[in-house]
Amino acid sequence: MPTMLNLLQDPEEDVRIAAIHAAVALRALRPVLILEELLKFDKLIHIEWRNLVAKLQDLDWQTHRSAWDKIPQLARSISLATNRQVPDFETPIMAALQDPSPDVPLCALTTLAKLAEIAGFRAVVLHLIPCVIACFSDNRNEIRLQSLRAALCLAEYDDFHPRIYQGVQKIISTSKDRDGKVRSTSLKLLLKLAEGFTGKIPEKIKQTAPHLLTLLQHQSTRRNAVALLTCLAEDQEGSFLSSCLSG
């Protein structure tokens, strides 16, 4: 019967990754490991990570996509097992977000949103938020939409709000996008940011009020426009909003 360490060195990638998940679970049940076993486990799990990251450069799309799908799973195991952030991941993400093929940045944005769920990887995600913001103005609808969706996922974590807010002007611009889904998602993101402020909501968000009134006329944006207007109206400095609506 193969041992866990044997499975971690299996020629099949799926077997190795499954073995890593199992090893992490067993390690939680039996936290006291001998030093030799611990060092070998950490070495193998990081080798697997490097191999997976290397596949992000593969020209074969199926290999490439499969690697993106497995990155969050392996990242979660690494975070639990080693309790430290894995290096050499920012560069592949940044390169992917600038790839001319839409499929590659779409995968990268989806992966980035999933990595935000893993505490050990949030420092990496934080550094990459400006790259996500840059995608808000991409000339491809699907990239603009997915980047806003990724930012909306990141906005679930308060620590990311200040960095996302740095792109508020671009978010406001996308609320005027020709694509209804892009407009609607940008309003959701603005609402999430507005709700995250304690006290006074920034003027840049308040100044969207007149534009929000025009969005009430569109089925795709009506609900989110109402939600954001309501949030602005409930702000303790709501007199600005009142003047916009009366004008």
Protein backbone atom coordinates (compact mmCIF):
# COMPACT_ATOMS: atom_id res chain seq x y z
CA MET A 1 0.00 0.00 0.00
CA PRO A 2 1.52 3.37 -1.00
CA THR A 3 2.39 5.78 1.77
CA MET A 4 1.27 9.42 1.74
CA LEU A 5 4.76 10.57 0.76
CA ASN A 6 4.71 8.12 -2.16
CA LEU A 7 1.40 9.57 -3.34
CA LEU A 8 2.85 13.08 -3.09
CA GLN A 9 5.39 11.98 -5.70
CA ASP A 10 2.95 10.15 -7.98
CA PRO A 11 3.40 10.80 -11.73
CA GLU A 12 -0.25 11.91 -12.01
CA GLU A 13 -0.79 15.58 -11.05
CA ASP A 14 -4.37 15.02 -9.85
CA VAL A 15 -3.19 12.24 -7.53
CA ARG A 16 -0.46 14.47 -6.08
CA ILE A 17 -2.86 17.35 -5.43
CA ALA A 18 -5.43 15.00 -3.86
CA ALA A 19 -2.63 13.60 -1.68
CA ILE A 20 -1.70 17.13 -0.59
CA HIS A 21 -5.30 17.79 0.50
CA ALA A 22 -5.34 14.50 2.41
CA ALA A 23 -1.94 15.18 3.98
CA VAL A 24 -3.10 18.59 5.19
CA ALA A 25 -6.17 17.00 6.79
CA LEU A 26 -4.08 14.29 8.45
CA ARG A 27 -1.60 16.87 9.65
CA ALA A 28 -4.42 18.74 11.37
CA LEU A 29 -5.39 15.54 13.17
CA ARG A 30 -1.79 14.67 14.02
CA PRO A 31 0.05 18.00 14.36
CA VAL A 32 3.21 16.56 15.88
CA LEU A 33 5.30 15.31 12.96
CA ILE A 34 8.92 14.29 13.02
CA LEU A 35 11.17 16.97 11.55
CA GLU A 36 12.31 14.89 8.56
CA GLU A 37 8.71 14.12 7.57
CA LEU A 38 7.68 17.76 7.99
CA LEU A 39 10.53 19.11 5.86
CA LYS A 40 9.91 16.59 3.11
CA PHE A 41 6.20 17.41 3.04
CA ASP A 42 6.85 21.15 2.82
CA LYS A 43 9.40 20.62 0.06
CA LEU A 44 7.04 18.48 -2.03
CA ILE A 45 4.08 20.78 -1.63
CA HIS A 46 6.14 23.77 -2.81
CA ILE A 47 7.54 21.82 -5.74
CA GLU A 48 3.97 21.05 -6.77
CA TRP A 49 3.11 24.74 -6.53
CA ARG A 50 6.05 25.78 -8.70
CA ASN A 51 5.14 23.14 -11.30
CA LEU A 52 1.55 24.37 -11.41
CA VAL A 53 2.59 28.02 -11.74
CA ALA A 54 4.97 27.03 -14.57
CA LYS A 55 2.02 25.53 -16.45
CA LEU A 56 0.42 28.97 -16.56
CA GLN A 57 2.94 29.72 -19.31
CA ASP A 58 1.94 26.66 -21.35
CA LEU A 59 0.75 27.40 -24.88
CA ASP A 60 -1.76 24.54 -24.77
CA TRP A 61 -5.03 26.12 -23.60
CA GLN A 62 -6.37 22.98 -21.87
CA THR A 63 -3.17 22.64 -19.83
CA HIS A 64 -3.22 26.36 -19.11
CA ARG A 65 -6.84 26.42 -17.97
CA SER A 66 -6.46 23.29 -15.86
CA ALA A 67 -3.60 24.95 -13.98
CA TRP A 68 -5.71 28.05 -13.23
CA ASP A 69 -8.49 25.81 -11.90
CA LYS A 70 -6.12 24.00 -9.54
CA ILE A 71 -4.24 27.05 -8.21
CA PRO A 72 -6.86 28.05 -5.57
CA GLN A 73 -7.21 24.46 -4.32
CA LEU A 74 -3.49 24.03 -3.88
CA ALA A 75 -3.10 27.53 -2.43
CA ARG A 76 -5.61 26.70 0.29
CA SER A 77 -3.71 23.55 1.22
CA ILE A 78 -0.37 25.37 1.22
CA SER A 79 -1.76 28.13 3.43
CA LEU A 80 -3.08 25.60 5.94
CA ALA A 81 -0.02 23.39 5.84
CA THR A 82 2.85 25.85 5.90
CA ASN A 83 1.19 28.93 7.39
CA ARG A 84 3.17 31.15 5.07
CA GLN A 85 2.61 32.97 1.81
CA VAL A 86 3.92 31.35 -1.34
CA PRO A 87 6.18 33.56 -3.46
CA ASP A 88 6.50 33.91 -7.25
CA PHE A 89 2.79 34.31 -7.97
CA GLU A 90 2.32 38.04 -8.55
CA THR A 91 4.29 38.00 -11.80
CA PRO A 92 2.20 35.27 -13.52
CA ILE A 93 -1.04 37.02 -12.52
CA MET A 94 0.17 40.39 -13.79
CA ALA A 95 1.29 38.83 -17.08
CA ALA A 96 -2.03 37.01 -17.46
CA LEU A 97 -4.07 40.17 -16.92
CA GLN A 98 -2.20 41.79 -19.81
CA ASP A 99 -2.55 38.82 -22.16
CA PRO A 100 -4.13 39.72 -25.54
CA SER A 101 -6.33 36.62 -25.47
CA PRO A 102 -9.50 37.27 -23.40
CA ASP A 103 -9.54 33.73 -21.98
CA VAL A 104 -6.30 34.17 -20.04
CA PRO A 105 -7.18 37.36 -18.09
CA LEU A 106 -10.66 35.96 -17.43
CA CYS A 107 -9.10 32.91 -15.74
CA ALA A 108 -6.65 35.10 -13.83
CA LEU A 109 -9.41 37.38 -12.51
CA THR A 110 -11.52 34.41 -11.41
CA THR A 111 -8.52 32.85 -9.66
CA LEU A 112 -7.60 36.12 -7.96
CA ALA A 113 -11.10 36.42 -6.49
CA LYS A 114 -10.83 32.87 -5.11
CA LEU A 115 -7.38 33.52 -3.63
CA ALA A 116 -8.85 36.43 -1.65
CA GLU A 117 -10.77 33.84 0.38
CA ILE A 118 -7.45 32.43 1.65
CA ALA A 119 -5.99 34.51 4.48
CA GLY A 120 -2.40 33.58 3.67
CA PHE A 121 -2.72 34.97 0.14
CA ARG A 122 -4.45 38.27 0.86
CA ALA A 123 -1.20 40.23 0.93
CA VAL A 124 -0.51 39.08 -2.64
CA VAL A 125 -4.07 39.92 -3.69
CA LEU A 126 -3.77 43.39 -2.13
CA HIS A 127 -0.72 44.18 -4.28
CA LEU A 128 -2.57 43.04 -7.41
CA ILE A 129 -5.68 45.21 -6.94
CA PRO A 130 -4.24 48.04 -9.12
CA CYS A 131 -3.95 45.48 -11.95
CA VAL A 132 -7.63 44.61 -11.50
CA ILE A 133 -8.54 48.30 -11.53
CA ALA A 134 -6.62 48.73 -14.80
CA CYS A 135 -8.92 46.12 -16.35
CA PHE A 136 -11.99 48.29 -15.64
CA SER A 137 -11.14 50.30 -18.74
CA ASP A 138 -10.27 47.34 -20.98
CA ASN A 139 -11.80 47.60 -24.46
CA ARG A 140 -13.34 44.12 -24.16
CA ASN A 141 -16.74 43.87 -22.47
CA GLU A 142 -16.05 40.49 -20.87
CA ILE A 143 -12.82 41.71 -19.26
CA ARG A 144 -14.45 44.86 -17.87
CA LEU A 145 -17.30 42.79 -16.47
CA GLN A 146 -15.11 40.08 -14.94
CA SER A 147 -12.72 42.62 -13.40
CA LEU A 148 -15.65 44.38 -11.71
CA ARG A 149 -16.99 41.03 -10.50
CA ALA A 150 -13.56 40.17 -9.11
CA ALA A 151 -13.36 43.54 -7.34
CA LEU A 152 -16.84 42.95 -5.94
CA CYS A 153 -15.62 39.65 -4.45
CA LEU A 154 -12.57 41.40 -3.00
CA ALA A 155 -14.80 44.10 -1.52
CA GLU A 156 -16.24 41.44 0.81
CA TYR A 157 -13.07 42.06 2.84
CA ASP A 158 -12.81 45.48 4.49
CA ASP A 159 -9.01 45.49 4.28
CA PHE A 160 -9.26 45.73 0.50
CA HIS A 161 -11.66 48.71 0.44
CA PRO A 162 -9.06 51.53 0.53
CA ARG A 163 -7.10 50.02 -2.36
CA ILE A 164 -10.25 49.38 -4.43
CA TYR A 165 -11.46 52.91 -3.70
CA GLN A 166 -8.35 54.22 -5.45
CA GLY A 167 -10.09 53.15 -8.65
CA VAL A 168 -13.42 54.80 -7.81
CA GLN A 169 -13.27 57.15 -10.79
CA LYS A 170 -12.94 54.21 -13.16
CA ILE A 171 -15.77 52.42 -11.37
CA ILE A 172 -17.97 55.48 -11.82
CA SER A 173 -17.02 55.57 -15.51
CA THR A 174 -18.10 51.95 -15.95
CA SER A 175 -21.51 52.83 -14.50
CA LYS A 176 -21.97 54.67 -17.82
CA ASP A 177 -20.77 51.69 -19.87
CA ARG A 178 -22.61 50.64 -23.02
CA ASP A 179 -23.01 47.13 -21.58
CA GLY A 180 -25.89 46.75 -19.11
CA LYS A 181 -24.18 44.02 -17.07
CA VAL A 182 -21.07 46.16 -16.68
CA ARG A 183 -23.17 49.13 -15.53
CA SER A 184 -25.10 47.00 -13.06
CA THR A 185 -21.98 45.39 -11.57
CA SER A 186 -20.26 48.76 -11.19
CA LEU A 187 -23.25 50.01 -9.19
CA LYS A 188 -23.04 46.96 -6.92
CA LEU A 189 -19.37 47.70 -6.34
CA LEU A 190 -20.03 51.39 -5.60
CA LEU A 191 -22.74 50.35 -3.15
CA LYS A 192 -20.39 47.91 -1.42
CA LEU A 193 -17.75 50.61 -1.05
CA ALA A 194 -20.29 53.20 0.15
CA GLU A 195 -21.63 50.81 2.78
CA GLY A 196 -18.08 50.22 4.01
CA PHE A 197 -17.55 53.82 5.05
CA THR A 198 -18.37 54.67 8.64
CA GLY A 199 -19.81 58.15 8.75
CA LYS A 200 -19.54 60.41 5.75
CA ILE A 201 -19.58 58.83 2.30
CA PRO A 202 -16.94 60.40 0.00
CA GLU A 203 -18.06 63.17 -2.33
CA LYS A 204 -16.96 61.24 -5.41
CA ILE A 205 -19.60 58.60 -4.71
CA LYS A 206 -22.24 61.16 -3.72
CA GLN A 207 -21.74 62.99 -6.99
CA THR A 208 -23.09 59.97 -8.87
CA ALA A 209 -26.62 60.82 -7.65
CA PRO A 210 -27.78 62.74 -10.77
CA HIS A 211 -26.45 59.95 -13.01
CA LEU A 212 -28.20 57.33 -10.87
CA LEU A 213 -31.52 59.00 -11.66
CA THR A 214 -30.96 58.34 -15.36
CA LEU A 215 -30.12 54.70 -14.62
CA LEU A 216 -33.54 54.26 -13.01
CA GLN A 217 -34.93 54.28 -16.54
CA HIS A 218 -33.07 51.09 -17.51
CA GLN A 219 -34.29 47.67 -16.42
CA SER A 220 -30.76 46.27 -16.09
CA THR A 221 -29.62 48.96 -13.63
CA ARG A 222 -32.82 50.09 -11.90
CA ARG A 223 -32.57 47.87 -8.81
CA ASN A 224 -28.91 48.65 -8.11
CA ALA A 225 -29.40 52.36 -8.79
CA VAL A 226 -32.24 52.45 -6.25
CA ALA A 227 -30.07 50.61 -3.70
CA LEU A 228 -27.20 53.06 -4.11
CA LEU A 229 -29.51 56.09 -4.00
CA THR A 230 -31.04 54.73 -0.79
CA CYS A 231 -27.59 54.28 0.73
CA LEU A 232 -26.67 57.86 -0.17
CA ALA A 233 -29.95 59.17 1.22
CA GLU A 234 -29.28 57.42 4.53
CA ASP A 235 -25.84 58.98 4.82
CA GLN A 236 -25.54 61.38 7.73
CA GLU A 237 -24.52 64.10 5.27
CA GLY A 238 -27.52 63.49 3.02
CA SER A 239 -28.20 67.19 2.35
CA PHE A 240 -25.92 67.00 -0.69
CA LEU A 241 -28.04 64.21 -2.14
CA SER A 242 -31.24 66.17 -1.47
CA SER A 243 -29.90 69.13 -3.42
CA CYS A 244 -29.01 66.86 -6.34
CA LEU A 245 -32.46 65.30 -6.44
CA SER A 246 -34.28 68.61 -6.14
CA GLY A 247 -32.16 70.15 -8.90
